[in-house]
Amino acid sequence: MSDSELDIFLNRSVVQMCTFRMAERLFGVDILDVKEVNENVNITPIYHAPPDVCGYINIRGQILLVVNLHESFGLEQQRKTEQITGGKIVVFKQSVDEPFGILVDEVCDVVPIDPKRIVDRRSSSGETLESRETRRIRDETVIGVYPLEKELLLILNARRILGKGVKQGEAV
């Protein structure tokens, strides 16, 4: 999102978030950016691709890149990428970026949030050399944290996932 798009997002009275889990954490993206959610999709691997690129999927004749945010964010995966069949994919609209989806562990609910309650979660405390790249990707992709009744919801900027999730300078 550009600054003006982020301002529009933050100034809406209610934003519906499509939520999903990765490594037991709850994430969400604006439902207006989501085209569809697919389950039981077979992913064709791309050999020699960066670790955060799972491969391609074919949905009704359209070929989509699938990004693995587990790798980008340094999260544990339930299954190895090479063994992924029947994965759950959140597919984004073309208005977000070129056609792509993200691999998630579990698709949850649509949750309404008040954007004024989003907390900026960026902090550099406890940073190690190994985590700098992961932290940079998270800081550019995560808008903030939203407190729910029993847990925290990490709000992702879908427009930054593909450009920032796939490490720059690495060819696919």
C-alpha atoms as a PDB file:
ATOM      1  CA  MET A   1       0.000   0.000   0.000  1.00  0.00           C
ATOM      2  CA  SER A   2       1.193   3.451  -0.755  1.00  0.00           C
ATOM      3  CA  ASP A   3       0.922   6.022   2.026  1.00  0.00           C
ATOM      4  CA  SER A   4      -2.379   7.269   0.589  1.00  0.00           C
ATOM      5  CA  GLU A   5      -3.767   3.702   0.358  1.00  0.00           C
ATOM      6  CA  LEU A   6      -2.666   3.054   3.948  1.00  0.00           C
ATOM      7  CA  ASP A   7      -4.362   6.279   5.081  1.00  0.00           C
ATOM      8  CA  ILE A   8      -7.601   5.192   3.361  1.00  0.00           C
ATOM      9  CA  PHE A   9      -7.308   1.763   5.048  1.00  0.00           C
ATOM     10  CA  LEU A  10      -6.705   3.308   8.485  1.00  0.00           C
ATOM     11  CA  ASN A  11      -9.501   5.882   8.084  1.00  0.00           C
ATOM     12  CA  ARG A  12     -12.242   3.329   7.337  1.00  0.00           C
ATOM     13  CA  SER A  13     -14.624   2.818  10.257  1.00  0.00           C
ATOM     14  CA  VAL A  14     -14.543  -1.000   9.972  1.00  0.00           C
ATOM     15  CA  VAL A  15     -12.244  -3.271   7.947  1.00  0.00           C
ATOM     16  CA  GLN A  16     -13.181  -6.897   7.308  1.00  0.00           C
ATOM     17  CA  MET A  17     -10.093  -9.079   7.676  1.00  0.00           C
ATOM     18  CA  CYS A  18      -9.655 -12.519   6.105  1.00  0.00           C
ATOM     19  CA  THR A  19      -7.802 -14.390   8.870  1.00  0.00           C
ATOM     20  CA  PHE A  20      -5.556 -17.434   8.722  1.00  0.00           C
ATOM     21  CA  ARG A  21      -2.980 -19.216  10.834  1.00  0.00           C
ATOM     22  CA  MET A  22       0.671 -19.853  10.234  1.00  0.00           C
ATOM     23  CA  ALA A  23       2.734 -21.591  12.928  1.00  0.00           C
ATOM     24  CA  GLU A  24      -0.041 -21.153  15.508  1.00  0.00           C
ATOM     25  CA  ARG A  25      -0.101 -17.356  14.957  1.00  0.00           C
ATOM     26  CA  LEU A  26      -3.159 -15.502  13.655  1.00  0.00           C
ATOM     27  CA  PHE A  27      -2.656 -13.281  10.598  1.00  0.00           C
ATOM     28  CA  GLY A  28      -5.100 -11.217   8.578  1.00  0.00           C
ATOM     29  CA  VAL A  29      -5.376  -9.346   5.288  1.00  0.00           C
ATOM     30  CA  ASP A  30      -8.032  -6.915   4.087  1.00  0.00           C
ATOM     31  CA  ILE A  31     -10.844  -9.010   2.585  1.00  0.00           C
ATOM     32  CA  LEU A  32     -11.067  -6.501  -0.293  1.00  0.00           C
ATOM     33  CA  ASP A  33      -7.624  -7.721  -1.452  1.00  0.00           C
ATOM     34  CA  VAL A  34      -8.593 -11.423  -1.426  1.00  0.00           C
ATOM     35  CA  LYS A  35      -9.916 -13.046  -4.584  1.00  0.00           C
ATOM     36  CA  GLU A  36     -10.556 -16.498  -3.149  1.00  0.00           C
ATOM     37  CA  VAL A  37      -9.359 -19.156  -0.746  1.00  0.00           C
ATOM     38  CA  ASN A  38      -8.499 -22.590  -2.099  1.00  0.00           C
ATOM     39  CA  GLU A  39      -7.921 -25.816  -0.250  1.00  0.00           C
ATOM     40  CA  ASN A  40      -6.501 -29.089  -1.492  1.00  0.00           C
ATOM     41  CA  VAL A  41      -4.474 -27.447  -4.243  1.00  0.00           C
ATOM     42  CA  ASN A  42      -1.435 -29.239  -5.613  1.00  0.00           C
ATOM     43  CA  ILE A  43       1.626 -27.035  -5.868  1.00  0.00           C
ATOM     44  CA  THR A  44       4.124 -27.597  -8.670  1.00  0.00           C
ATOM     45  CA  PRO A  45       7.563 -26.864  -7.198  1.00  0.00           C
ATOM     46  CA  ILE A  46      10.018 -24.510  -8.879  1.00  0.00           C
ATOM     47  CA  TYR A  47      13.460 -26.010  -8.503  1.00  0.00           C
ATOM     48  CA  HIS A  48      16.288 -23.633  -7.589  1.00  0.00           C
ATOM     49  CA  ALA A  49      13.771 -20.972  -6.499  1.00  0.00           C
ATOM     50  CA  PRO A  50      14.299 -19.012  -3.283  1.00  0.00           C
ATOM     51  CA  PRO A  51      13.079 -20.870  -0.180  1.00  0.00           C
ATOM     52  CA  ASP A  52      10.075 -18.566   0.216  1.00  0.00           C
ATOM     53  CA  VAL A  53       8.684 -19.521  -3.213  1.00  0.00           C
ATOM     54  CA  CYS A  54       6.655 -22.744  -2.999  1.00  0.00           C
ATOM     55  CA  GLY A  55       5.886 -23.072  -6.680  1.00  0.00           C
ATOM     56  CA  TYR A  56       2.973 -22.619  -9.058  1.00  0.00           C
ATOM     57  CA  ILE A  57      -0.679 -23.605  -8.894  1.00  0.00           C
ATOM     58  CA  ASN A  58      -3.202 -23.840 -11.702  1.00  0.00           C
ATOM     59  CA  ILE A  59      -6.634 -22.473 -10.832  1.00  0.00           C
ATOM     60  CA  ARG A  60      -9.137 -22.731 -13.674  1.00  0.00           C
ATOM     61  CA  GLY A  61      -6.377 -22.292 -16.244  1.00  0.00           C
ATOM     62  CA  GLN A  62      -4.662 -19.368 -14.508  1.00  0.00           C
ATOM     63  CA  ILE A  63      -1.121 -20.028 -13.302  1.00  0.00           C
ATOM     64  CA  LEU A  64      -0.332 -18.383  -9.949  1.00  0.00           C
ATOM     65  CA  LEU A  65       2.870 -18.092  -7.949  1.00  0.00           C
ATOM     66  CA  VAL A  66       2.615 -19.365  -4.359  1.00  0.00           C
ATOM     67  CA  VAL A  67       4.700 -17.662  -1.678  1.00  0.00           C
ATOM     68  CA  ASN A  68       5.626 -19.335   1.607  1.00  0.00           C
ATOM     69  CA  LEU A  69       5.516 -16.667   4.323  1.00  0.00           C
ATOM     70  CA  HIS A  70       6.717 -19.242   6.858  1.00  0.00           C
ATOM     71  CA  GLU A  71      10.157 -18.859   5.273  1.00  0.00           C
ATOM     72  CA  SER A  72       9.932 -15.073   4.929  1.00  0.00           C
ATOM     73  CA  PHE A  73       8.911 -14.604   8.567  1.00  0.00           C
ATOM     74  CA  GLY A  74      11.134 -17.340  10.018  1.00  0.00           C
ATOM     75  CA  LEU A  75       8.157 -19.429  11.210  1.00  0.00           C
ATOM     76  CA  GLU A  76       8.022 -23.189  11.671  1.00  0.00           C
ATOM     77  CA  GLN A  77       6.126 -25.129   9.011  1.00  0.00           C
ATOM     78  CA  GLN A  78       3.722 -27.988   9.571  1.00  0.00           C
ATOM     79  CA  ARG A  79       5.032 -29.750   6.467  1.00  0.00           C
ATOM     80  CA  LYS A  80       8.120 -29.462   4.294  1.00  0.00           C
ATOM     81  CA  THR A  81       7.581 -27.452   1.086  1.00  0.00           C
ATOM     82  CA  GLU A  82       8.625 -30.443  -1.041  1.00  0.00           C
ATOM     83  CA  GLN A  83       5.785 -32.498   0.481  1.00  0.00           C
ATOM     84  CA  ILE A  84       3.004 -29.938   0.053  1.00  0.00           C
ATOM     85  CA  THR A  85      -0.095 -31.309  -1.593  1.00  0.00           C
ATOM     86  CA  GLY A  86      -3.530 -30.285  -0.549  1.00  0.00           C
ATOM     87  CA  GLY A  87      -2.239 -27.001   0.870  1.00  0.00           C
ATOM     88  CA  LYS A  88      -4.449 -24.066   1.752  1.00  0.00           C
ATOM     89  CA  ILE A  89      -3.852 -20.989  -0.399  1.00  0.00           C
ATOM     90  CA  VAL A  90      -5.135 -17.430   0.005  1.00  0.00           C
ATOM     91  CA  VAL A  91      -5.275 -15.979  -3.533  1.00  0.00           C
ATOM     92  CA  PHE A  92      -5.108 -12.222  -4.044  1.00  0.00           C
ATOM     93  CA  LYS A  93      -6.793 -10.039  -6.655  1.00  0.00           C
ATOM     94  CA  GLN A  94      -4.814  -8.722  -9.605  1.00  0.00           C
ATOM     95  CA  SER A  95      -5.280  -5.196  -8.227  1.00  0.00           C
ATOM     96  CA  VAL A  96      -2.917  -6.185  -5.376  1.00  0.00           C
ATOM     97  CA  ASP A  97      -0.023  -7.375  -7.566  1.00  0.00           C
ATOM     98  CA  GLU A  98       0.594  -9.943 -10.259  1.00  0.00           C
ATOM     99  CA  PRO A  99      -1.494 -13.083  -9.638  1.00  0.00           C
ATOM    100  CA  PHE A 100      -0.217 -14.878  -6.540  1.00  0.00           C
ATOM    101  CA  GLY A 101      -1.264 -16.665  -3.392  1.00  0.00           C
ATOM    102  CA  ILE A 102       0.206 -17.442  -0.003  1.00  0.00           C
ATOM    103  CA  LEU A 103       0.466 -20.834   1.660  1.00  0.00           C
ATOM    104  CA  VAL A 104      -1.232 -20.945   5.072  1.00  0.00           C
ATOM    105  CA  ASP A 105      -1.723 -23.659   7.701  1.00  0.00           C
ATOM    106  CA  GLU A 106      -5.389 -22.955   8.382  1.00  0.00           C
ATOM    107  CA  VAL A 107      -8.003 -20.569   7.004  1.00  0.00           C
ATOM    108  CA  CYS A 108     -10.071 -18.983   9.791  1.00  0.00           C
ATOM    109  CA  ASP A 109     -12.887 -16.428   9.815  1.00  0.00           C
ATOM    110  CA  VAL A 110     -13.648 -12.989   8.472  1.00  0.00           C
ATOM    111  CA  VAL A 111     -13.114 -10.658  11.423  1.00  0.00           C
ATOM    112  CA  PRO A 112     -14.281  -7.033  11.539  1.00  0.00           C
ATOM    113  CA  ILE A 113     -11.725  -4.667  13.077  1.00  0.00           C
ATOM    114  CA  ASP A 114     -11.497  -0.978  13.938  1.00  0.00           C
ATOM    115  CA  PRO A 115      -8.319   0.262  12.175  1.00  0.00           C
ATOM    116  CA  LYS A 116      -7.850   2.938  14.840  1.00  0.00           C
ATOM    117  CA  ARG A 117      -7.063   0.158  17.351  1.00  0.00           C
ATOM    118  CA  ILE A 118      -4.154  -1.271  15.315  1.00  0.00           C
ATOM    119  CA  VAL A 119      -0.918  -1.060  17.306  1.00  0.00           C
ATOM    120  CA  ASP A 120       2.393  -0.472  15.504  1.00  0.00           C
ATOM    121  CA  ARG A 121       4.500  -3.482  16.478  1.00  0.00           C
ATOM    122  CA  ARG A 122       7.851  -2.454  15.022  1.00  0.00           C
ATOM    123  CA  SER A 123      10.687  -2.690  17.467  1.00  0.00           C
ATOM    124  CA  SER A 124      14.371  -3.449  17.143  1.00  0.00           C
ATOM    125  CA  SER A 125      14.968  -4.824  20.646  1.00  0.00           C
ATOM    126  CA  GLY A 126      16.700  -8.193  20.751  1.00  0.00           C
ATOM    127  CA  GLU A 127      17.687  -8.060  17.067  1.00  0.00           C
ATOM    128  CA  THR A 128      20.439 -10.408  15.950  1.00  0.00           C
ATOM    129  CA  LEU A 129      22.425 -10.367  12.721  1.00  0.00           C
ATOM    130  CA  GLU A 130      20.554 -13.445  11.486  1.00  0.00           C
ATOM    131  CA  SER A 131      17.149 -11.888  12.092  1.00  0.00           C
ATOM    132  CA  ARG A 132      17.752  -8.553  10.339  1.00  0.00           C
ATOM    133  CA  GLU A 133      16.503  -9.712   6.926  1.00  0.00           C
ATOM    134  CA  THR A 134      13.510 -11.465   8.479  1.00  0.00           C
ATOM    135  CA  ARG A 135      12.759  -8.375  10.595  1.00  0.00           C
ATOM    136  CA  ARG A 136      13.040  -6.091   7.526  1.00  0.00           C
ATOM    137  CA  ILE A 137      10.574  -8.243   5.581  1.00  0.00           C
ATOM    138  CA  ARG A 138       8.171  -8.353   8.550  1.00  0.00           C
ATOM    139  CA  ASP A 139       8.409  -4.597   9.130  1.00  0.00           C
ATOM    140  CA  GLU A 140       7.591  -3.867   5.500  1.00  0.00           C
ATOM    141  CA  THR A 141       4.795  -6.441   5.288  1.00  0.00           C
ATOM    142  CA  VAL A 142       3.134  -6.219   8.727  1.00  0.00           C
ATOM    143  CA  ILE A 143       1.006  -3.099   9.248  1.00  0.00           C
ATOM    144  CA  GLY A 144       0.566  -3.756  12.953  1.00  0.00           C
ATOM    145  CA  VAL A 145      -1.069  -5.851  15.640  1.00  0.00           C
ATOM    146  CA  TYR A 146      -4.755  -5.825  16.511  1.00  0.00           C
ATOM    147  CA  PRO A 147      -5.815  -7.031  19.973  1.00  0.00           C
ATOM    148  CA  LEU A 148      -8.677  -9.546  19.859  1.00  0.00           C
ATOM    149  CA  GLU A 149     -10.439 -10.956  22.913  1.00  0.00           C
ATOM    150  CA  LYS A 150      -8.146 -13.991  23.335  1.00  0.00           C
ATOM    151  CA  GLU A 151      -5.168 -13.350  21.055  1.00  0.00           C
ATOM    152  CA  LEU A 152      -3.368 -10.895  18.805  1.00  0.00           C
ATOM    153  CA  LEU A 153      -4.037 -10.536  15.069  1.00  0.00           C
ATOM    154  CA  LEU A 154      -1.058  -9.577  12.909  1.00  0.00           C
ATOM    155  CA  ILE A 155      -2.331  -7.349  10.082  1.00  0.00           C
ATOM    156  CA  LEU A 156      -0.480  -7.887   6.783  1.00  0.00           C
ATOM    157  CA  ASN A 157      -0.232  -5.484   3.871  1.00  0.00           C
ATOM    158  CA  ALA A 158      -1.068  -7.775   0.920  1.00  0.00           C
ATOM    159  CA  ARG A 159       0.398  -5.257  -1.520  1.00  0.00           C
ATOM    160  CA  ARG A 160       3.844  -5.752   0.035  1.00  0.00           C
ATOM    161  CA  ILE A 161       3.890  -9.543   0.275  1.00  0.00           C
ATOM    162  CA  LEU A 162       5.084 -10.393  -3.216  1.00  0.00           C
ATOM    163  CA  GLY A 163       7.530  -7.537  -3.588  1.00  0.00           C
ATOM    164  CA  LYS A 164       9.019  -7.920  -0.145  1.00  0.00           C
ATOM    165  CA  GLY A 165       8.271 -11.533   0.755  1.00  0.00           C
ATOM    166  CA  VAL A 166      10.368 -12.882  -2.097  1.00  0.00           C
ATOM    167  CA  LYS A 167      13.851 -11.726  -1.259  1.00  0.00           C
ATOM    168  CA  GLN A 168      15.033  -9.043  -3.649  1.00  0.00           C
ATOM    169  CA  GLY A 169      17.769  -9.944  -6.100  1.00  0.00           C
ATOM    170  CA  GLU A 170      16.854 -13.624  -6.273  1.00  0.00           C
ATOM    171  CA  ALA A 171      15.436 -14.855  -9.555  1.00  0.00           C
ATOM    172  CA  VAL A 172      12.519 -17.218  -9.726  1.00  0.00           C
END
